Full PDB file with SEQRES, HELIX, SHEET, SSBOND, CRYST1, ORIGX, SCALE, CONECT and MASTER records, all heavy atoms in Angstrom:
SEQRES   1 A   43  LYS ASN GLU GLU ARG LEU THR LEU VAL GLN ALA ASP GLU          
SEQRES   2 A   43  VAL ILE ALA MET ALA ASP GLU PRO VAL LYS SER ILE ARG          
SEQRES   3 A   43  ARG LYS LYS GLN SER SER LEU VAL LEU ALA ALA GLN ALA          
SEQRES   4 A   43  VAL LYS ASN GLY                                              
HELIX    1 AA1 PRO A   21  ARG A   27  1                                   7    
HELIX    2 AA2 SER A   32  LYS A   41  1                                  10    
CRYST1    1.000    1.000    1.000  90.00  90.00  90.00 P 1           1          
ORIGX1      1.000000  0.000000  0.000000        0.00000                         
ORIGX2      0.000000  1.000000  0.000000        0.00000                         
ORIGX3      0.000000  0.000000  1.000000        0.00000                         
SCALE1      1.000000  0.000000  0.000000        0.00000                         
SCALE2      0.000000  1.000000  0.000000        0.00000                         
SCALE3      0.000000  0.000000  1.000000        0.00000                         
ATOM      1  N   LYS A   1      27.882 -46.851 -58.466  1.00  0.00           N  
ATOM      2  CA  LYS A   1      28.363 -48.112 -57.904  1.00  0.00           C  
ATOM      3  C   LYS A   1      29.862 -48.101 -57.661  1.00  0.00           C  
ATOM      4  O   LYS A   1      30.362 -48.789 -56.777  1.00  0.00           O  
ATOM      5  CB  LYS A   1      28.005 -49.266 -58.848  1.00  0.00           C  
ATOM      6  CG  LYS A   1      26.507 -49.475 -59.030  1.00  0.00           C  
ATOM      7  CD  LYS A   1      26.229 -50.611 -60.004  1.00  0.00           C  
ATOM      8  CE  LYS A   1      24.726 -50.814 -60.189  1.00  0.00           C  
ATOM      9  NZ  LYS A   1      24.440 -51.897 -61.168  1.00  0.00           N  
ATOM     10  N   ASN A   2      30.575 -47.345 -58.479  1.00  0.00           N  
ATOM     11  CA  ASN A   2      32.034 -47.323 -58.406  1.00  0.00           C  
ATOM     12  C   ASN A   2      32.502 -45.938 -58.851  1.00  0.00           C  
ATOM     13  O   ASN A   2      32.219 -45.527 -59.974  1.00  0.00           O  
ATOM     14  CB  ASN A   2      32.621 -48.409 -59.310  1.00  0.00           C  
ATOM     15  CG  ASN A   2      34.136 -48.428 -59.312  1.00  0.00           C  
ATOM     16  OD1 ASN A   2      34.783 -47.591 -58.684  1.00  0.00           O  
ATOM     17  ND2 ASN A   2      34.715 -49.394 -60.016  1.00  0.00           N  
ATOM     18  N   GLU A   3      33.204 -45.228 -57.982  1.00  0.00           N  
ATOM     19  CA  GLU A   3      33.608 -43.845 -58.286  1.00  0.00           C  
ATOM     20  C   GLU A   3      34.934 -43.749 -59.032  1.00  0.00           C  
ATOM     21  O   GLU A   3      35.466 -42.654 -59.222  1.00  0.00           O  
ATOM     22  CB  GLU A   3      33.681 -43.017 -56.999  1.00  0.00           C  
ATOM     23  CG  GLU A   3      32.323 -42.773 -56.373  1.00  0.00           C  
ATOM     24  CD  GLU A   3      32.350 -41.705 -55.291  1.00  0.00           C  
ATOM     25  OE1 GLU A   3      33.303 -40.895 -55.286  1.00  0.00           O  
ATOM     26  OE2 GLU A   3      31.434 -41.686 -54.451  1.00  0.00           O  
ATOM     27  N   GLU A   4      35.451 -44.876 -59.496  1.00  0.00           N  
ATOM     28  CA  GLU A   4      36.703 -44.845 -60.247  1.00  0.00           C  
ATOM     29  C   GLU A   4      36.555 -43.959 -61.486  1.00  0.00           C  
ATOM     30  O   GLU A   4      35.654 -44.140 -62.304  1.00  0.00           O  
ATOM     31  CB  GLU A   4      37.099 -46.259 -60.687  1.00  0.00           C  
ATOM     32  CG  GLU A   4      38.401 -46.301 -61.487  1.00  0.00           C  
ATOM     33  CD  GLU A   4      38.696 -47.687 -62.025  1.00  0.00           C  
ATOM     34  OE1 GLU A   4      37.914 -48.611 -61.755  1.00  0.00           O  
ATOM     35  OE2 GLU A   4      39.710 -47.839 -62.737  1.00  0.00           O  
ATOM     36  N   ARG A   5      37.431 -43.001 -61.636  1.00  0.00           N  
ATOM     37  CA  ARG A   5      37.456 -42.045 -62.746  1.00  0.00           C  
ATOM     38  C   ARG A   5      36.150 -41.270 -62.921  1.00  0.00           C  
ATOM     39  O   ARG A   5      35.835 -40.790 -63.989  1.00  0.00           O  
ATOM     40  CB  ARG A   5      37.860 -42.736 -64.055  1.00  0.00           C  
ATOM     41  CG  ARG A   5      39.345 -43.049 -64.121  1.00  0.00           C  
ATOM     42  CD  ARG A   5      39.770 -43.638 -65.446  1.00  0.00           C  
ATOM     43  NE  ARG A   5      39.423 -45.035 -65.541  1.00  0.00           N  
ATOM     44  CZ  ARG A   5      38.580 -45.544 -66.415  1.00  0.00           C  
ATOM     45  NH1 ARG A   5      37.985 -44.756 -67.293  1.00  0.00           N  
ATOM     46  NH2 ARG A   5      38.327 -46.833 -66.435  1.00  0.00           N  
ATOM     47  N   LEU A   6      35.391 -41.182 -61.812  1.00  0.00           N  
ATOM     48  CA  LEU A   6      34.202 -40.330 -61.800  1.00  0.00           C  
ATOM     49  C   LEU A   6      34.415 -39.212 -60.790  1.00  0.00           C  
ATOM     50  O   LEU A   6      34.828 -39.466 -59.662  1.00  0.00           O  
ATOM     51  CB  LEU A   6      32.946 -41.117 -61.390  1.00  0.00           C  
ATOM     52  CG  LEU A   6      32.536 -42.332 -62.211  1.00  0.00           C  
ATOM     53  CD1 LEU A   6      31.214 -42.882 -61.686  1.00  0.00           C  
ATOM     54  CD2 LEU A   6      32.408 -41.990 -63.682  1.00  0.00           C  
ATOM     55  N   THR A   7      34.145 -37.979 -61.207  1.00  0.00           N  
ATOM     56  CA  THR A   7      34.199 -36.838 -60.301  1.00  0.00           C  
ATOM     57  C   THR A   7      32.794 -36.255 -60.218  1.00  0.00           C  
ATOM     58  O   THR A   7      32.206 -35.887 -61.244  1.00  0.00           O  
ATOM     59  CB  THR A   7      35.170 -35.757 -60.804  1.00  0.00           C  
ATOM     60  OG1 THR A   7      36.487 -36.325 -60.897  1.00  0.00           O  
ATOM     61  CG2 THR A   7      35.192 -34.564 -59.870  1.00  0.00           C  
ATOM     62  N   LEU A   8      32.246 -36.202 -59.009  1.00  0.00           N  
ATOM     63  CA  LEU A   8      30.888 -35.694 -58.809  1.00  0.00           C  
ATOM     64  C   LEU A   8      30.949 -34.234 -58.384  1.00  0.00           C  
ATOM     65  O   LEU A   8      31.664 -33.886 -57.442  1.00  0.00           O  
ATOM     66  CB  LEU A   8      30.158 -36.522 -57.755  1.00  0.00           C  
ATOM     67  CG  LEU A   8      30.147 -38.045 -57.969  1.00  0.00           C  
ATOM     68  CD1 LEU A   8      29.314 -38.725 -56.889  1.00  0.00           C  
ATOM     69  CD2 LEU A   8      29.606 -38.391 -59.346  1.00  0.00           C  
ATOM     70  N   VAL A   9      30.197 -33.384 -59.076  1.00  0.00           N  
ATOM     71  CA  VAL A   9      30.210 -31.941 -58.816  1.00  0.00           C  
ATOM     72  C   VAL A   9      28.788 -31.467 -58.535  1.00  0.00           C  
ATOM     73  O   VAL A   9      27.874 -31.722 -59.338  1.00  0.00           O  
ATOM     74  CB  VAL A   9      30.789 -31.155 -60.012  1.00  0.00           C  
ATOM     75  CG1 VAL A   9      30.866 -29.669 -59.680  1.00  0.00           C  
ATOM     76  CG2 VAL A   9      32.167 -31.693 -60.405  1.00  0.00           C  
ATOM     77  N   GLN A  10      28.608 -30.800 -57.409  1.00  0.00           N  
ATOM     78  CA  GLN A  10      27.279 -30.324 -57.030  1.00  0.00           C  
ATOM     79  C   GLN A  10      26.777 -29.235 -57.981  1.00  0.00           C  
ATOM     80  O   GLN A  10      27.494 -28.289 -58.307  1.00  0.00           O  
ATOM     81  CB  GLN A  10      27.302 -29.769 -55.600  1.00  0.00           C  
ATOM     82  CG  GLN A  10      26.035 -29.072 -55.157  1.00  0.00           C  
ATOM     83  CD  GLN A  10      24.828 -30.002 -55.051  1.00  0.00           C  
ATOM     84  OE1 GLN A  10      24.984 -31.213 -54.891  1.00  0.00           O  
ATOM     85  NE2 GLN A  10      23.635 -29.443 -55.130  1.00  0.00           N  
ATOM     86  N   ALA A  11      25.547 -29.393 -58.443  1.00  0.00           N  
ATOM     87  CA  ALA A  11      24.851 -28.379 -59.232  1.00  0.00           C  
ATOM     88  C   ALA A  11      23.489 -28.178 -58.586  1.00  0.00           C  
ATOM     89  O   ALA A  11      22.700 -29.120 -58.498  1.00  0.00           O  
ATOM     90  CB  ALA A  11      24.696 -28.833 -60.683  1.00  0.00           C  
ATOM     91  N   ASP A  12      23.218 -26.978 -58.120  1.00  0.00           N  
ATOM     92  CA  ASP A  12      22.008 -26.729 -57.348  1.00  0.00           C  
ATOM     93  C   ASP A  12      20.743 -26.662 -58.196  1.00  0.00           C  
ATOM     94  O   ASP A  12      19.637 -26.885 -57.689  1.00  0.00           O  
ATOM     95  CB  ASP A  12      22.144 -25.418 -56.558  1.00  0.00           C  
ATOM     96  CG  ASP A  12      23.284 -25.470 -55.557  1.00  0.00           C  
ATOM     97  OD1 ASP A  12      23.573 -26.576 -55.058  1.00  0.00           O  
ATOM     98  OD2 ASP A  12      23.889 -24.414 -55.289  1.00  0.00           O  
ATOM     99  N   GLU A  13      20.900 -26.346 -59.494  1.00  0.00           N  
ATOM    100  CA  GLU A  13      19.731 -26.135 -60.342  1.00  0.00           C  
ATOM    101  C   GLU A  13      19.672 -27.155 -61.478  1.00  0.00           C  
ATOM    102  O   GLU A  13      20.677 -27.776 -61.830  1.00  0.00           O  
ATOM    103  CB  GLU A  13      19.763 -24.724 -60.940  1.00  0.00           C  
ATOM    104  CG  GLU A  13      19.724 -23.615 -59.898  1.00  0.00           C  
ATOM    105  CD  GLU A  13      19.883 -22.246 -60.523  1.00  0.00           C  
ATOM    106  OE1 GLU A  13      20.955 -21.980 -61.093  1.00  0.00           O  
ATOM    107  OE2 GLU A  13      18.933 -21.452 -60.451  1.00  0.00           O  
ATOM    108  N   VAL A  14      18.487 -27.287 -62.053  1.00  0.00           N  
ATOM    109  CA  VAL A  14      18.264 -28.192 -63.178  1.00  0.00           C  
ATOM    110  C   VAL A  14      17.495 -27.447 -64.265  1.00  0.00           C  
ATOM    111  O   VAL A  14      16.522 -26.752 -63.973  1.00  0.00           O  
ATOM    112  CB  VAL A  14      17.457 -29.442 -62.756  1.00  0.00           C  
ATOM    113  CG1 VAL A  14      17.147 -30.317 -63.971  1.00  0.00           C  
ATOM    114  CG2 VAL A  14      18.220 -30.244 -61.707  1.00  0.00           C  
ATOM    115  N   ILE A  15      17.936 -27.584 -65.512  1.00  0.00           N  
ATOM    116  CA  ILE A  15      17.186 -27.038 -66.640  1.00  0.00           C  
ATOM    117  C   ILE A  15      16.222 -28.113 -67.108  1.00  0.00           C  
ATOM    118  O   ILE A  15      16.637 -29.186 -67.550  1.00  0.00           O  
ATOM    119  CB  ILE A  15      18.125 -26.605 -67.778  1.00  0.00           C  
ATOM    120  CG1 ILE A  15      18.983 -25.416 -67.323  1.00  0.00           C  
ATOM    121  CG2 ILE A  15      17.322 -26.238 -69.030  1.00  0.00           C  
ATOM    122  CD1 ILE A  15      19.978 -24.938 -68.363  1.00  0.00           C  
ATOM    123  N   ALA A  16      14.931 -27.827 -66.992  1.00  0.00           N  
ATOM    124  CA  ALA A  16      13.906 -28.801 -67.355  1.00  0.00           C  
ATOM    125  C   ALA A  16      13.683 -28.824 -68.861  1.00  0.00           C  
ATOM    126  O   ALA A  16      14.067 -27.896 -69.579  1.00  0.00           O  
ATOM    127  CB  ALA A  16      12.603 -28.471 -66.631  1.00  0.00           C  
ATOM    128  N   MET A  17      13.057 -29.888 -69.328  1.00  0.00           N  
ATOM    129  CA  MET A  17      12.780 -30.040 -70.756  1.00  0.00           C  
ATOM    130  C   MET A  17      11.928 -28.889 -71.291  1.00  0.00           C  
ATOM    131  O   MET A  17      12.069 -28.483 -72.437  1.00  0.00           O  
ATOM    132  CB  MET A  17      12.070 -31.366 -71.019  1.00  0.00           C  
ATOM    133  CG  MET A  17      12.941 -32.586 -70.833  1.00  0.00           C  
ATOM    134  SD  MET A  17      14.257 -32.697 -72.071  1.00  0.00           S  
ATOM    135  CE  MET A  17      14.715 -34.423 -71.920  1.00  0.00           C  
ATOM    136  N   ALA A  18      11.028 -28.371 -70.449  1.00  0.00           N  
ATOM    137  CA  ALA A  18      10.098 -27.326 -70.898  1.00  0.00           C  
ATOM    138  C   ALA A  18      10.661 -25.922 -70.760  1.00  0.00           C  
ATOM    139  O   ALA A  18      10.028 -24.953 -71.202  1.00  0.00           O  
ATOM    140  CB  ALA A  18       8.791 -27.440 -70.116  1.00  0.00           C  
ATOM    141  N   ASP A  19      11.841 -25.763 -70.171  1.00  0.00           N  
ATOM    142  CA  ASP A  19      12.420 -24.430 -69.981  1.00  0.00           C  
ATOM    143  C   ASP A  19      12.793 -23.798 -71.308  1.00  0.00           C  
ATOM    144  O   ASP A  19      13.234 -24.485 -72.237  1.00  0.00           O  
ATOM    145  CB  ASP A  19      13.667 -24.510 -69.090  1.00  0.00           C  
ATOM    146  CG  ASP A  19      13.317 -24.724 -67.627  1.00  0.00           C  
ATOM    147  OD1 ASP A  19      12.121 -24.650 -67.286  1.00  0.00           O  
ATOM    148  OD2 ASP A  19      14.243 -24.975 -66.829  1.00  0.00           O  
ATOM    149  N   GLU A  20      12.648 -22.480 -71.390  1.00  0.00           N  
ATOM    150  CA  GLU A  20      13.048 -21.747 -72.591  1.00  0.00           C  
ATOM    151  C   GLU A  20      14.575 -21.780 -72.680  1.00  0.00           C  
ATOM    152  O   GLU A  20      15.255 -21.393 -71.727  1.00  0.00           O  
ATOM    153  CB  GLU A  20      12.532 -20.310 -72.523  1.00  0.00           C  
ATOM    154  CG  GLU A  20      12.477 -19.593 -73.850  1.00  0.00           C  
ATOM    155  CD  GLU A  20      13.849 -19.146 -74.338  1.00  0.00           C  
ATOM    156  OE1 GLU A  20      14.672 -18.750 -73.480  1.00  0.00           O  
ATOM    157  OE2 GLU A  20      14.101 -19.201 -75.552  1.00  0.00           O  
ATOM    158  N   PRO A  21      15.129 -22.260 -73.794  1.00  0.00           N  
ATOM    159  CA  PRO A  21      16.565 -22.551 -73.867  1.00  0.00           C  
ATOM    160  C   PRO A  21      17.505 -21.407 -73.501  1.00  0.00           C  
ATOM    161  O   PRO A  21      18.313 -21.541 -72.574  1.00  0.00           O  
ATOM    162  CB  PRO A  21      16.755 -22.986 -75.326  1.00  0.00           C  
ATOM    163  CG  PRO A  21      15.449 -23.562 -75.716  1.00  0.00           C  
ATOM    164  CD  PRO A  21      14.425 -22.716 -75.014  1.00  0.00           C  
ATOM    165  N   VAL A  22      17.441 -20.299 -74.199  1.00  0.00           N  
ATOM    166  CA  VAL A  22      18.412 -19.229 -73.982  1.00  0.00           C  
ATOM    167  C   VAL A  22      18.238 -18.604 -72.608  1.00  0.00           C  
ATOM    168  O   VAL A  22      19.218 -18.360 -71.882  1.00  0.00           O  
ATOM    169  CB  VAL A  22      18.310 -18.164 -75.091  1.00  0.00           C  
ATOM    170  CG1 VAL A  22      19.267 -17.008 -74.817  1.00  0.00           C  
ATOM    171  CG2 VAL A  22      18.619 -18.782 -76.467  1.00  0.00           C  
ATOM    172  N   LYS A  23      16.990 -18.353 -72.221  1.00  0.00           N  
ATOM    173  CA  LYS A  23      16.747 -17.771 -70.895  1.00  0.00           C  
ATOM    174  C   LYS A  23      17.261 -18.682 -69.796  1.00  0.00           C  
ATOM    175  O   LYS A  23      17.824 -18.218 -68.794  1.00  0.00           O  
ATOM    176  CB  LYS A  23      15.251 -17.515 -70.706  1.00  0.00           C  
ATOM    177  CG  LYS A  23      14.708 -16.334 -71.492  1.00  0.00           C  
ATOM    178  CD  LYS A  23      13.237 -16.124 -71.186  1.00  0.00           C  
ATOM    179  CE  LYS A  23      12.679 -14.938 -71.988  1.00  0.00           C  
ATOM    180  NZ  LYS A  23      11.223 -14.748 -71.732  1.00  0.00           N  
ATOM    181  N   SER A  24      17.078 -19.980 -69.958  1.00  0.00           N  
ATOM    182  CA  SER A  24      17.466 -20.916 -68.901  1.00  0.00           C  
ATOM    183  C   SER A  24      18.976 -20.953 -68.689  1.00  0.00           C  
ATOM    184  O   SER A  24      19.445 -21.017 -67.551  1.00  0.00           O  
ATOM    185  CB  SER A  24      16.939 -22.320 -69.202  1.00  0.00           C  
ATOM    186  OG  SER A  24      17.490 -22.825 -70.399  1.00  0.00           O  
ATOM    187  N   ILE A  25      19.754 -20.892 -69.779  1.00  0.00           N  
ATOM    188  CA  ILE A  25      21.209 -20.937 -69.564  1.00  0.00           C  
ATOM    189  C   ILE A  25      21.737 -19.616 -69.020  1.00  0.00           C  
ATOM    190  O   ILE A  25      22.812 -19.566 -68.410  1.00  0.00           O  
ATOM    191  CB  ILE A  25      21.976 -21.345 -70.842  1.00  0.00           C  
ATOM    192  CG1 ILE A  25      21.857 -20.283 -71.932  1.00  0.00           C  
ATOM    193  CG2 ILE A  25      21.534 -22.707 -71.338  1.00  0.00           C  
ATOM    194  CD1 ILE A  25      22.875 -20.459 -73.037  1.00  0.00           C  
ATOM    195  N   ARG A  26      20.981 -18.540 -69.229  1.00  0.00           N  
ATOM    196  CA  ARG A  26      21.394 -17.239 -68.694  1.00  0.00           C  
ATOM    197  C   ARG A  26      21.001 -17.070 -67.233  1.00  0.00           C  
ATOM    198  O   ARG A  26      21.699 -16.418 -66.463  1.00  0.00           O  
ATOM    199  CB  ARG A  26      20.796 -16.122 -69.536  1.00  0.00           C  
ATOM    200  CG  ARG A  26      21.448 -15.987 -70.910  1.00  0.00           C  
ATOM    201  CD  ARG A  26      20.775 -14.926 -71.750  1.00  0.00           C  
ATOM    202  NE  ARG A  26      21.459 -14.744 -73.041  1.00  0.00           N  
ATOM    203  CZ  ARG A  26      20.985 -14.050 -74.055  1.00  0.00           C  
ATOM    204  NH1 ARG A  26      19.794 -13.446 -73.941  1.00  0.00           N  
ATOM    205  NH2 ARG A  26      21.661 -13.938 -75.185  1.00  0.00           N  
ATOM    206  N   ARG A  27      19.860 -17.655 -66.868  1.00  0.00           N  
ATOM    207  CA  ARG A  27      19.343 -17.461 -65.515  1.00  0.00           C  
ATOM    208  C   ARG A  27      19.766 -18.558 -64.549  1.00  0.00           C  
ATOM    209  O   ARG A  27      19.945 -18.307 -63.362  1.00  0.00           O  
ATOM    210  CB  ARG A  27      17.814 -17.367 -65.559  1.00  0.00           C  
ATOM    211  CG  ARG A  27      17.303 -16.125 -66.301  1.00  0.00           C  
ATOM    212  CD  ARG A  27      15.781 -16.131 -66.393  1.00  0.00           C  
ATOM    213  NE  ARG A  27      15.281 -14.947 -67.088  1.00  0.00           N  
ATOM    214  CZ  ARG A  27      14.013 -14.728 -67.381  1.00  0.00           C  
ATOM    215  NH1 ARG A  27      13.106 -15.641 -67.037  1.00  0.00           N  
ATOM    216  NH2 ARG A  27      13.635 -13.631 -68.019  1.00  0.00           N  
ATOM    217  N   LYS A  28      19.913 -19.777 -65.052  1.00  0.00           N  
ATOM    218  CA  LYS A  28      20.268 -20.894 -64.175  1.00  0.00           C  
ATOM    219  C   LYS A  28      21.762 -21.193 -64.281  1.00  0.00           C  
ATOM    220  O   LYS A  28      22.192 -22.203 -64.819  1.00  0.00           O  
ATOM    221  CB  LYS A  28      19.437 -22.124 -64.527  1.00  0.00           C  
ATOM    222  CG  LYS A  28      17.944 -21.943 -64.250  1.00  0.00           C  
ATOM    223  CD  LYS A  28      17.167 -23.233 -64.467  1.00  0.00           C  
ATOM    224  CE  LYS A  28      15.700 -23.080 -64.076  1.00  0.00           C  
ATOM    225  NZ  LYS A  28      14.923 -24.332 -64.238  1.00  0.00           N  
ATOM    226  N   LYS A  29      22.543 -20.281 -63.727  1.00  0.00           N  
ATOM    227  CA  LYS A  29      24.004 -20.393 -63.823  1.00  0.00           C  
ATOM    228  C   LYS A  29      24.557 -21.585 -63.052  1.00  0.00           C  
ATOM    229  O   LYS A  29      25.659 -22.053 -63.331  1.00  0.00           O  
ATOM    230  CB  LYS A  29      24.661 -19.109 -63.285  1.00  0.00           C  
ATOM    231  CG  LYS A  29      24.261 -17.834 -64.027  1.00  0.00           C  
ATOM    232  CD  LYS A  29      24.805 -17.804 -65.432  1.00  0.00           C  
ATOM    233  CE  LYS A  29      24.554 -16.453 -66.090  1.00  0.00           C  
ATOM    234  NZ  LYS A  29      25.028 -16.408 -67.498  1.00  0.00           N  
ATOM    235  N   GLN A  30      23.798 -22.053 -62.064  1.00  0.00           N  
ATOM    236  CA  GLN A  30      24.265 -23.177 -61.249  1.00  0.00           C  
ATOM    237  C   GLN A  30      23.586 -24.495 -61.655  1.00  0.00           C  
ATOM    238  O   GLN A  30      23.569 -25.450 -60.883  1.00  0.00           O  
ATOM    239  CB  GLN A  30      23.995 -22.893 -59.762  1.00  0.00           C  
ATOM    240  CG  GLN A  30      24.806 -21.732 -59.206  1.00  0.00           C  
ATOM    241  CD  GLN A  30      26.298 -21.938 -59.391  1.00  0.00           C  
ATOM    242  OE1 GLN A  30      26.828 -22.980 -58.998  1.00  0.00           O  
ATOM    243  NE2 GLN A  30      26.983 -20.959 -59.964  1.00  0.00           N  
ATOM    244  N   SER A  31      23.059 -24.523 -62.869  1.00  0.00           N  
ATOM    245  CA  SER A  31      22.440 -25.763 -63.350  1.00  0.00           C  
ATOM    246  C   SER A  31      23.511 -26.752 -63.797  1.00  0.00           C  
ATOM    247  O   SER A  31      24.636 -26.367 -64.146  1.00  0.00           O  
ATOM    248  CB  SER A  31      21.493 -25.470 -64.512  1.00  0.00           C  
ATOM    249  OG  SER A  31      22.219 -24.987 -65.625  1.00  0.00           O  
ATOM    250  N   SER A  32      23.148 -28.018 -63.813  1.00  0.00           N  
ATOM    251  CA  SER A  32      24.104 -29.062 -64.212  1.00  0.00           C  
ATOM    252  C   SER A  32      24.580 -28.866 -65.643  1.00  0.00           C  
ATOM    253  O   SER A  32      25.759 -29.093 -65.955  1.00  0.00           O  
ATOM    254  CB  SER A  32      23.449 -30.445 -64.052  1.00  0.00           C  
ATOM    255  OG  SER A  32      22.196 -30.504 -64.720  1.00  0.00           O  
ATOM    256  N   LEU A  33      23.699 -28.417 -66.528  1.00  0.00           N  
ATOM    257  CA  LEU A  33      24.077 -28.220 -67.926  1.00  0.00           C  
ATOM    258  C   LEU A  33      25.028 -27.052 -68.089  1.00  0.00           C  
ATOM    259  O   LEU A  33      26.055 -27.162 -68.784  1.00  0.00           O  
ATOM    260  CB  LEU A  33      22.816 -27.996 -68.773  1.00  0.00           C  
ATOM    261  CG  LEU A  33      23.031 -27.684 -70.257  1.00  0.00           C  
ATOM    262  CD1 LEU A  33      23.852 -28.780 -70.936  1.00  0.00           C  
ATOM    263  CD2 LEU A  33      21.681 -27.532 -70.962  1.00  0.00           C  
ATOM    264  N   VAL A  34      24.732 -25.930 -67.460  1.00  0.00           N  
ATOM    265  CA  VAL A  34      25.589 -24.745 -67.594  1.00  0.00           C  
ATOM    266  C   VAL A  34      26.954 -24.991 -66.970  1.00  0.00           C  
ATOM    267  O   VAL A  34      27.991 -24.622 -67.547  1.00  0.00           O  
ATOM    268  CB  VAL A  34      24.906 -23.514 -66.961  1.00  0.00           C  
ATOM    269  CG1 VAL A  34      25.883 -22.330 -66.881  1.00  0.00           C  
ATOM    270  CG2 VAL A  34      23.678 -23.115 -67.774  1.00  0.00           C  
ATOM    271  N   LEU A  35      26.990 -25.620 -65.808  1.00  0.00           N  
ATOM    272  CA  LEU A  35      28.277 -25.895 -65.159  1.00  0.00           C  
ATOM    273  C   LEU A  35      29.123 -26.859 -65.989  1.00  0.00           C  
ATOM    274  O   LEU A  35      30.352 -26.718 -66.066  1.00  0.00           O  
ATOM    275  CB  LEU A  35      28.055 -26.456 -63.754  1.00  0.00           C  
ATOM    276  CG  LEU A  35      27.485 -25.476 -62.727  1.00  0.00           C  
ATOM    277  CD1 LEU A  35      27.254 -26.180 -61.398  1.00  0.00           C  
ATOM    278  CD2 LEU A  35      28.413 -24.270 -62.539  1.00  0.00           C  
ATOM    279  N   ALA A  36      28.482 -27.829 -66.629  1.00  0.00           N  
ATOM    280  CA  ALA A  36      29.219 -28.761 -67.491  1.00  0.00           C  
ATOM    281  C   ALA A  36      29.798 -28.028 -68.694  1.00  0.00           C  
ATOM    282  O   ALA A  36      30.955 -28.245 -69.079  1.00  0.00           O  
ATOM    283  CB  ALA A  36      28.292 -29.886 -67.947  1.00  0.00           C  
ATOM    284  N   ALA A  37      28.999 -27.139 -69.297  1.00  0.00           N  
ATOM    285  CA  ALA A  37      29.481 -26.363 -70.439  1.00  0.00           C  
ATOM    286  C   ALA A  37      30.604 -25.415 -70.014  1.00  0.00           C  
ATOM    287  O   ALA A  37      31.588 -25.231 -70.748  1.00  0.00           O  
ATOM    288  CB  ALA A  37      28.330 -25.570 -71.052  1.00  0.00           C  
ATOM    289  N   GLN A  38      30.480 -24.842 -68.830  1.00  0.00           N  
ATOM    290  CA  GLN A  38      31.505 -23.935 -68.326  1.00  0.00           C  
ATOM    291  C   GLN A  38      32.811 -24.678 -68.090  1.00  0.00           C  
ATOM    292  O   GLN A  38      33.907 -24.134 -68.312  1.00  0.00           O  
ATOM    293  CB  GLN A  38      31.027 -23.286 -67.026  1.00  0.00           C  
ATOM    294  CG  GLN A  38      31.809 -22.041 -66.622  1.00  0.00           C  
ATOM    295  CD  GLN A  38      31.634 -20.882 -67.575  1.00  0.00           C  
ATOM    296  OE1 GLN A  38      30.522 -20.550 -67.966  1.00  0.00           O  
ATOM    297  NE2 GLN A  38      32.743 -20.272 -67.978  1.00  0.00           N  
ATOM    298  N   ALA A  39      32.726 -25.937 -67.677  1.00  0.00           N  
ATOM    299  CA  ALA A  39      33.929 -26.747 -67.470  1.00  0.00           C  
ATOM    300  C   ALA A  39      34.682 -26.923 -68.783  1.00  0.00           C  
ATOM    301  O   ALA A  39      35.917 -26.909 -68.821  1.00  0.00           O  
ATOM    302  CB  ALA A  39      33.560 -28.098 -66.874  1.00  0.00           C  
ATOM    303  N   VAL A  40      33.940 -27.090 -69.884  1.00  0.00           N  
ATOM    304  CA  VAL A  40      34.577 -27.212 -71.196  1.00  0.00           C  
ATOM    305  C   VAL A  40      35.222 -25.882 -71.585  1.00  0.00           C  
ATOM    306  O   VAL A  40      36.359 -25.839 -72.052  1.00  0.00           O  
ATOM    307  CB  VAL A  40      33.553 -27.658 -72.260  1.00  0.00           C  
ATOM    308  CG1 VAL A  40      34.198 -27.690 -73.643  1.00  0.00           C  
ATOM    309  CG2 VAL A  40      33.000 -29.037 -71.916  1.00  0.00           C  
ATOM    310  N   LYS A  41      34.497 -24.799 -71.399  1.00  0.00           N  
ATOM    311  CA  LYS A  41      35.026 -23.478 -71.746  1.00  0.00           C  
ATOM    312  C   LYS A  41      36.308 -23.180 -70.965  1.00  0.00           C  
ATOM    313  O   LYS A  41      37.270 -22.608 -71.506  1.00  0.00           O  
ATOM    314  CB  LYS A  41      33.988 -22.401 -71.462  1.00  0.00           C  
ATOM    315  CG  LYS A  41      34.465 -20.992 -71.804  1.00  0.00           C  
ATOM    316  CD  LYS A  41      33.428 -19.939 -71.479  1.00  0.00           C  
ATOM    317  CE  LYS A  41      33.949 -18.544 -71.817  1.00  0.00           C  
ATOM    318  NZ  LYS A  41      32.935 -17.490 -71.517  1.00  0.00           N  
ATOM    319  N   ASN A  42      36.337 -23.568 -69.688  1.00  0.00           N  
ATOM    320  CA  ASN A  42      37.487 -23.281 -68.830  1.00  0.00           C  
ATOM    321  C   ASN A  42      38.654 -24.239 -69.052  1.00  0.00           C  
ATOM    322  O   ASN A  42      39.721 -24.071 -68.452  1.00  0.00           O  
ATOM    323  CB  ASN A  42      37.075 -23.337 -67.357  1.00  0.00           C  
ATOM    324  CG  ASN A  42      36.080 -22.247 -66.992  1.00  0.00           C  
ATOM    325  OD1 ASN A  42      35.944 -21.248 -67.704  1.00  0.00           O  
ATOM    326  ND2 ASN A  42      35.361 -22.429 -65.895  1.00  0.00           N  
ATOM    327  N   GLY A  43      38.459 -25.274 -69.883  1.00  0.00           N  
ATOM    328  CA  GLY A  43      39.524 -26.236 -70.134  1.00  0.00           C  
ATOM    329  C   GLY A  43      39.596 -27.358 -69.129  1.00  0.00           C  
ATOM    330  O   GLY A  43      40.546 -28.147 -69.139  1.00  0.00           O  
TER     331      GLY A  43                                                      
MASTER        0    0    0    2    0    0    0    6  330    1    0    4          
END                                                                             
């Protein structure tokens, strides 16, 4: 509704609830979860 202090970043993939955890973060590099974690790692 309002983009104030919101930055939207495209993520092409999604890690589903049923996905195997470790495999999913290794294989789905462009997922919303992995990209968010990478943003933290990169500062």
